N, C-alpha and C. Protein backbone atom coordinates (compact mmCIF):
# COMPACT_ATOMS: atom_id res chain seq x y z
N MET A 1 -3.69 -14.94 -18.29
CA MET A 1 -2.28 -14.64 -18.05
C MET A 1 -1.81 -15.34 -16.78
N LEU A 2 -0.66 -15.95 -16.85
CA LEU A 2 -0.10 -16.65 -15.70
C LEU A 2 0.77 -15.70 -14.88
N ASN A 3 0.57 -15.74 -13.58
CA ASN A 3 1.45 -14.98 -12.69
C ASN A 3 2.57 -15.90 -12.27
N ARG A 4 3.78 -15.37 -12.20
CA ARG A 4 4.91 -16.22 -11.89
C ARG A 4 5.82 -15.58 -10.84
N GLY A 5 6.61 -16.47 -10.21
CA GLY A 5 7.56 -16.02 -9.21
C GLY A 5 8.72 -16.99 -9.14
N THR A 6 9.90 -16.48 -8.85
CA THR A 6 11.07 -17.32 -8.71
C THR A 6 11.47 -17.33 -7.25
N GLY A 7 11.60 -18.54 -6.70
CA GLY A 7 11.98 -18.68 -5.30
C GLY A 7 13.32 -19.37 -5.18
N LYS A 8 14.09 -18.98 -4.17
CA LYS A 8 15.40 -19.60 -3.95
C LYS A 8 15.57 -19.91 -2.47
N ARG A 9 16.31 -21.01 -2.20
CA ARG A 9 16.64 -21.40 -0.84
C ARG A 9 17.83 -22.33 -0.92
N LYS A 10 18.90 -22.04 -0.19
CA LYS A 10 20.15 -22.79 -0.25
C LYS A 10 20.61 -22.88 -1.70
N THR A 11 20.66 -24.06 -2.30
CA THR A 11 21.07 -24.18 -3.71
C THR A 11 19.90 -24.56 -4.61
N SER A 12 18.67 -24.46 -4.11
CA SER A 12 17.48 -24.81 -4.89
C SER A 12 16.88 -23.57 -5.52
N ILE A 13 16.38 -23.75 -6.74
CA ILE A 13 15.71 -22.68 -7.46
C ILE A 13 14.38 -23.21 -7.95
N ALA A 14 13.30 -22.47 -7.68
CA ALA A 14 11.96 -22.89 -8.09
C ALA A 14 11.33 -21.81 -8.97
N ARG A 15 10.78 -22.26 -10.10
CA ARG A 15 9.98 -21.38 -10.95
C ARG A 15 8.52 -21.75 -10.72
N VAL A 16 7.73 -20.79 -10.26
CA VAL A 16 6.35 -21.07 -9.86
C VAL A 16 5.39 -20.25 -10.71
N PHE A 17 4.35 -20.92 -11.17
CA PHE A 17 3.32 -20.29 -11.98
C PHE A 17 1.96 -20.48 -11.31
N ILE A 18 1.15 -19.42 -11.26
CA ILE A 18 -0.19 -19.50 -10.69
C ILE A 18 -1.17 -19.57 -11.84
N ASP A 19 -2.04 -20.60 -11.77
CA ASP A 19 -3.08 -20.80 -12.78
C ASP A 19 -4.43 -20.65 -12.09
N SER A 20 -5.20 -19.63 -12.45
CA SER A 20 -6.48 -19.37 -11.79
C SER A 20 -7.57 -20.34 -12.25
N LYS A 21 -7.34 -21.09 -13.34
CA LYS A 21 -8.35 -22.01 -13.86
C LYS A 21 -8.32 -23.36 -13.15
N SER A 22 -7.20 -23.69 -12.52
CA SER A 22 -7.04 -24.98 -11.86
C SER A 22 -7.02 -24.79 -10.35
N ASP A 23 -7.06 -25.90 -9.62
CA ASP A 23 -6.92 -25.82 -8.16
C ASP A 23 -5.91 -26.84 -7.64
N LYS A 24 -5.10 -27.42 -8.55
CA LYS A 24 -4.11 -28.42 -8.16
C LYS A 24 -2.77 -27.76 -7.90
N VAL A 25 -2.00 -28.38 -7.00
CA VAL A 25 -0.64 -27.94 -6.72
C VAL A 25 0.29 -29.01 -7.27
N MET A 26 1.03 -28.67 -8.35
CA MET A 26 1.92 -29.61 -9.02
C MET A 26 3.37 -29.15 -8.86
N VAL A 27 4.24 -30.11 -8.54
CA VAL A 27 5.67 -29.82 -8.42
C VAL A 27 6.41 -30.82 -9.30
N ASN A 28 7.15 -30.32 -10.27
CA ASN A 28 7.90 -31.15 -11.22
C ASN A 28 7.03 -32.23 -11.88
N GLY A 29 5.82 -31.86 -12.26
CA GLY A 29 4.92 -32.78 -12.95
C GLY A 29 4.19 -33.76 -12.06
N LYS A 30 4.45 -33.73 -10.75
CA LYS A 30 3.76 -34.62 -9.81
C LYS A 30 2.88 -33.78 -8.89
N ASP A 31 1.90 -34.44 -8.28
CA ASP A 31 1.11 -33.77 -7.26
C ASP A 31 2.03 -33.44 -6.07
N ALA A 32 1.79 -32.32 -5.42
CA ALA A 32 2.66 -31.89 -4.33
C ALA A 32 2.72 -32.93 -3.21
N LYS A 33 1.63 -33.64 -2.97
CA LYS A 33 1.61 -34.67 -1.92
C LYS A 33 2.49 -35.85 -2.28
N ASP A 34 2.65 -36.12 -3.57
CA ASP A 34 3.52 -37.21 -4.00
C ASP A 34 4.99 -36.78 -4.03
N TYR A 35 5.23 -35.52 -4.33
CA TYR A 35 6.61 -35.03 -4.42
C TYR A 35 7.20 -34.80 -3.04
N PHE A 36 6.47 -34.08 -2.19
CA PHE A 36 6.92 -33.82 -0.82
C PHE A 36 6.21 -34.80 0.10
N LYS A 37 6.93 -35.82 0.54
CA LYS A 37 6.33 -36.88 1.36
C LYS A 37 6.04 -36.40 2.79
N ARG A 38 6.92 -35.59 3.35
CA ARG A 38 6.74 -35.13 4.72
C ARG A 38 5.67 -34.06 4.82
N SER A 39 4.89 -34.13 5.87
CA SER A 39 3.81 -33.15 6.06
C SER A 39 4.38 -31.76 6.37
N THR A 40 5.59 -31.71 6.99
CA THR A 40 6.18 -30.41 7.28
C THR A 40 6.52 -29.65 6.00
N HIS A 41 6.99 -30.38 4.98
CA HIS A 41 7.29 -29.74 3.70
C HIS A 41 6.02 -29.30 3.00
N LEU A 42 4.97 -30.12 3.06
CA LEU A 42 3.69 -29.74 2.46
C LEU A 42 3.11 -28.51 3.15
N ASN A 43 3.17 -28.50 4.49
CA ASN A 43 2.66 -27.34 5.24
C ASN A 43 3.43 -26.08 4.88
N GLU A 44 4.74 -26.25 4.67
CA GLU A 44 5.58 -25.10 4.35
C GLU A 44 5.21 -24.50 3.00
N ILE A 45 4.99 -25.34 1.98
CA ILE A 45 4.68 -24.78 0.66
C ILE A 45 3.24 -24.24 0.60
N MET A 46 2.36 -24.74 1.47
CA MET A 46 0.96 -24.29 1.45
C MET A 46 0.75 -23.05 2.33
N ARG A 47 1.73 -22.70 3.14
CA ARG A 47 1.58 -21.60 4.08
C ARG A 47 1.19 -20.27 3.45
N PRO A 48 1.85 -19.83 2.35
CA PRO A 48 1.43 -18.55 1.75
C PRO A 48 -0.01 -18.58 1.25
N LEU A 49 -0.45 -19.74 0.74
CA LEU A 49 -1.83 -19.86 0.25
C LEU A 49 -2.82 -19.83 1.40
N LEU A 50 -2.48 -20.46 2.51
CA LEU A 50 -3.37 -20.47 3.68
C LEU A 50 -3.49 -19.09 4.30
N ILE A 51 -2.37 -18.37 4.38
CA ILE A 51 -2.38 -17.04 4.98
C ILE A 51 -3.21 -16.06 4.16
N THR A 52 -3.10 -16.17 2.83
CA THR A 52 -3.86 -15.27 1.95
C THR A 52 -5.25 -15.82 1.61
N LYS A 53 -5.61 -16.98 2.20
CA LYS A 53 -6.92 -17.63 1.99
C LYS A 53 -7.17 -17.95 0.51
N GLN A 54 -6.12 -18.39 -0.19
CA GLN A 54 -6.22 -18.74 -1.60
C GLN A 54 -6.11 -20.24 -1.84
N ASP A 55 -6.01 -21.05 -0.77
CA ASP A 55 -5.89 -22.50 -0.95
C ASP A 55 -7.20 -23.05 -1.51
N GLY A 56 -7.08 -23.88 -2.54
CA GLY A 56 -8.26 -24.44 -3.20
C GLY A 56 -8.83 -23.54 -4.29
N LYS A 57 -8.40 -22.29 -4.34
CA LYS A 57 -8.90 -21.35 -5.36
C LYS A 57 -7.93 -21.23 -6.53
N LEU A 58 -6.63 -21.37 -6.26
CA LEU A 58 -5.62 -21.19 -7.29
C LEU A 58 -4.84 -22.48 -7.52
N GLY A 59 -4.46 -22.69 -8.77
CA GLY A 59 -3.60 -23.81 -9.10
C GLY A 59 -2.16 -23.35 -9.15
N ILE A 60 -1.26 -24.22 -8.69
CA ILE A 60 0.16 -23.89 -8.66
C ILE A 60 0.91 -24.93 -9.49
N VAL A 61 1.77 -24.46 -10.39
CA VAL A 61 2.67 -25.33 -11.13
C VAL A 61 4.08 -24.86 -10.84
N ALA A 62 4.90 -25.76 -10.26
CA ALA A 62 6.26 -25.39 -9.87
C ALA A 62 7.26 -26.33 -10.50
N LYS A 63 8.35 -25.77 -10.98
CA LYS A 63 9.48 -26.54 -11.47
C LYS A 63 10.66 -26.18 -10.58
N VAL A 64 11.19 -27.18 -9.88
CA VAL A 64 12.24 -26.91 -8.90
C VAL A 64 13.42 -27.83 -9.18
N GLU A 65 14.63 -27.29 -9.00
CA GLU A 65 15.84 -28.08 -9.24
C GLU A 65 16.92 -27.66 -8.25
N GLY A 66 17.85 -28.58 -8.01
CA GLY A 66 18.98 -28.31 -7.13
C GLY A 66 18.67 -28.54 -5.67
N GLY A 67 19.70 -28.87 -4.92
CA GLY A 67 19.56 -29.00 -3.48
C GLY A 67 18.80 -30.24 -3.04
N GLY A 68 18.39 -30.25 -1.79
CA GLY A 68 17.63 -31.35 -1.22
C GLY A 68 16.16 -31.00 -1.09
N ILE A 69 15.42 -31.89 -0.47
CA ILE A 69 13.97 -31.72 -0.38
C ILE A 69 13.60 -30.50 0.47
N SER A 70 14.27 -30.29 1.60
CA SER A 70 13.94 -29.15 2.46
C SER A 70 14.23 -27.82 1.75
N GLY A 71 15.36 -27.75 1.07
CA GLY A 71 15.69 -26.54 0.32
C GLY A 71 14.71 -26.31 -0.82
N GLN A 72 14.29 -27.39 -1.46
CA GLN A 72 13.32 -27.27 -2.55
C GLN A 72 11.97 -26.79 -2.03
N ALA A 73 11.56 -27.30 -0.87
CA ALA A 73 10.29 -26.86 -0.28
C ALA A 73 10.35 -25.37 0.06
N GLY A 74 11.47 -24.92 0.61
CA GLY A 74 11.63 -23.50 0.90
C GLY A 74 11.64 -22.64 -0.35
N ALA A 75 12.24 -23.16 -1.42
CA ALA A 75 12.27 -22.42 -2.68
C ALA A 75 10.88 -22.32 -3.29
N VAL A 76 10.11 -23.40 -3.22
CA VAL A 76 8.74 -23.38 -3.75
C VAL A 76 7.88 -22.41 -2.94
N ARG A 77 8.05 -22.42 -1.62
CA ARG A 77 7.29 -21.49 -0.77
C ARG A 77 7.61 -20.05 -1.13
N HIS A 78 8.89 -19.75 -1.33
CA HIS A 78 9.31 -18.39 -1.69
C HIS A 78 8.76 -18.01 -3.07
N GLY A 79 8.78 -18.97 -4.01
CA GLY A 79 8.24 -18.71 -5.34
C GLY A 79 6.75 -18.47 -5.33
N ILE A 80 6.01 -19.25 -4.52
CA ILE A 80 4.56 -19.05 -4.41
C ILE A 80 4.26 -17.67 -3.83
N THR A 81 5.03 -17.27 -2.83
CA THR A 81 4.84 -15.94 -2.24
C THR A 81 5.05 -14.85 -3.27
N ARG A 82 6.10 -14.96 -4.06
CA ARG A 82 6.37 -13.94 -5.08
C ARG A 82 5.30 -13.93 -6.18
N ALA A 83 4.82 -15.12 -6.53
CA ALA A 83 3.78 -15.20 -7.54
C ALA A 83 2.47 -14.60 -7.02
N LEU A 84 2.17 -14.81 -5.74
CA LEU A 84 0.97 -14.21 -5.14
C LEU A 84 1.08 -12.69 -5.12
N LEU A 85 2.28 -12.17 -4.86
CA LEU A 85 2.48 -10.72 -4.88
C LEU A 85 2.33 -10.17 -6.29
N ASP A 86 2.72 -10.95 -7.30
CA ASP A 86 2.54 -10.56 -8.69
C ASP A 86 1.05 -10.54 -9.03
N LEU A 87 0.31 -11.49 -8.47
CA LEU A 87 -1.14 -11.58 -8.71
C LEU A 87 -1.87 -10.43 -8.05
N ASN A 88 -1.55 -10.16 -6.77
CA ASN A 88 -2.25 -9.11 -6.03
C ASN A 88 -1.27 -8.46 -5.04
N PRO A 89 -0.80 -7.25 -5.32
CA PRO A 89 0.15 -6.59 -4.42
C PRO A 89 -0.40 -6.33 -3.02
N ALA A 90 -1.72 -6.39 -2.83
CA ALA A 90 -2.32 -6.17 -1.51
C ALA A 90 -2.00 -7.30 -0.54
N PHE A 91 -1.58 -8.45 -1.06
CA PHE A 91 -1.21 -9.58 -0.19
C PHE A 91 0.05 -9.27 0.61
N ARG A 92 0.80 -8.25 0.22
CA ARG A 92 2.07 -7.94 0.88
C ARG A 92 1.88 -7.65 2.36
N GLU A 93 0.83 -6.92 2.71
CA GLU A 93 0.62 -6.55 4.11
C GLU A 93 0.25 -7.75 4.99
N VAL A 94 -0.19 -8.85 4.38
CA VAL A 94 -0.49 -10.07 5.13
C VAL A 94 0.74 -10.98 5.20
N LEU A 95 1.51 -11.05 4.09
CA LEU A 95 2.66 -11.97 4.01
C LEU A 95 3.91 -11.42 4.69
N LYS A 96 4.08 -10.11 4.70
CA LYS A 96 5.29 -9.49 5.26
C LYS A 96 5.47 -9.79 6.75
N PRO A 97 4.44 -9.63 7.60
CA PRO A 97 4.62 -9.93 9.03
C PRO A 97 4.95 -11.41 9.30
N GLU A 98 4.56 -12.30 8.41
CA GLU A 98 4.85 -13.73 8.57
C GLU A 98 6.29 -14.07 8.16
N GLY A 99 7.00 -13.13 7.53
CA GLY A 99 8.38 -13.34 7.13
C GLY A 99 8.53 -14.18 5.88
N LEU A 100 7.51 -14.22 5.03
CA LEU A 100 7.54 -15.07 3.84
C LEU A 100 8.15 -14.37 2.63
N ILE A 101 8.19 -13.06 2.63
CA ILE A 101 8.69 -12.33 1.46
C ILE A 101 10.22 -12.37 1.41
N THR A 102 10.85 -12.36 2.57
CA THR A 102 12.31 -12.34 2.65
C THR A 102 12.90 -13.69 2.27
N ARG A 103 13.91 -13.67 1.41
CA ARG A 103 14.59 -14.91 1.01
C ARG A 103 15.50 -15.35 2.13
N ASP A 104 15.46 -16.63 2.45
CA ASP A 104 16.34 -17.19 3.47
C ASP A 104 17.72 -17.36 2.84
N SER A 105 18.66 -16.49 3.20
CA SER A 105 19.94 -16.41 2.49
C SER A 105 21.00 -17.34 3.05
N ARG A 106 20.66 -18.20 4.03
CA ARG A 106 21.67 -19.09 4.62
C ARG A 106 22.12 -20.13 3.60
N LYS A 107 23.43 -20.28 3.47
CA LYS A 107 24.02 -21.27 2.59
C LYS A 107 25.10 -22.02 3.34
N VAL A 108 25.57 -23.12 2.77
CA VAL A 108 26.63 -23.90 3.39
C VAL A 108 27.93 -23.12 3.33
N GLU A 109 28.61 -23.06 4.47
CA GLU A 109 29.88 -22.34 4.54
C GLU A 109 30.96 -23.14 3.83
N ARG A 110 31.86 -22.46 3.12
CA ARG A 110 32.88 -23.15 2.34
C ARG A 110 33.95 -23.76 3.23
N LYS A 111 34.62 -24.79 2.73
CA LYS A 111 35.72 -25.44 3.43
C LYS A 111 36.97 -24.58 3.31
N LYS A 112 37.69 -24.41 4.43
CA LYS A 112 38.91 -23.61 4.42
C LYS A 112 40.14 -24.52 4.36
N PRO A 113 41.22 -24.06 3.73
CA PRO A 113 42.44 -24.88 3.65
C PRO A 113 43.04 -25.12 5.04
N GLY A 114 43.54 -26.33 5.26
CA GLY A 114 44.14 -26.68 6.53
C GLY A 114 43.14 -27.20 7.55
N LEU A 115 41.84 -27.14 7.23
CA LEU A 115 40.80 -27.63 8.13
C LEU A 115 40.11 -28.84 7.52
N LYS A 116 39.48 -29.64 8.39
CA LYS A 116 38.77 -30.83 7.92
C LYS A 116 37.47 -30.46 7.21
N LYS A 117 36.74 -29.52 7.82
CA LYS A 117 35.50 -29.01 7.24
C LYS A 117 35.60 -27.49 7.25
N SER A 118 34.49 -26.80 7.30
CA SER A 118 34.57 -25.35 7.24
C SER A 118 35.19 -24.76 8.51
N ARG A 119 34.96 -25.41 9.68
CA ARG A 119 35.52 -24.89 10.94
C ARG A 119 36.26 -25.93 11.76
N ARG A 120 36.04 -27.21 11.51
CA ARG A 120 36.66 -28.26 12.31
C ARG A 120 38.13 -28.41 11.95
N SER A 121 38.97 -28.28 13.00
CA SER A 121 40.41 -28.39 12.76
C SER A 121 40.86 -29.85 12.92
N PRO A 122 42.03 -30.19 12.40
CA PRO A 122 42.53 -31.55 12.57
C PRO A 122 42.78 -31.85 14.05
N GLN A 123 42.69 -33.11 14.43
CA GLN A 123 42.88 -33.51 15.83
C GLN A 123 44.30 -33.20 16.26
N PHE A 124 44.44 -32.62 17.45
CA PHE A 124 45.76 -32.24 17.98
C PHE A 124 46.42 -33.45 18.64
N SER A 125 47.68 -33.65 18.35
CA SER A 125 48.45 -34.72 18.99
C SER A 125 49.64 -34.11 19.71
N LYS A 126 49.72 -34.38 21.01
CA LYS A 126 50.80 -33.79 21.81
C LYS A 126 52.14 -34.46 21.47
N ARG A 127 52.09 -35.78 21.18
CA ARG A 127 53.32 -36.50 20.86
C ARG A 127 53.20 -37.17 19.51
């Protein structure tokens, strides 16, 4: 049976599946090292596995869409955390103090009428 978790960050959504028979981390059909080029993104998605000491023991298959690379990495991390909790609820006491269970709810603020961006006003001209 596959354990699964859905992770979200900004506008990215990741569906993550844990496979106990494999030890590879795949994202959108590619190896995680090929998909996430930056080491900071790789470290971010591997963090829940390292904290629970499951790196190299479990295989991860993630399908992620929407947003940019940083948002996708955060969504995959959140999905892995939820899938690990589905696998073993005892991991909660290790993951909770690290702040991995909570979804990062920050999103881009909408543009308001009469402004250039969400908060930047048009340049003032005295004359």
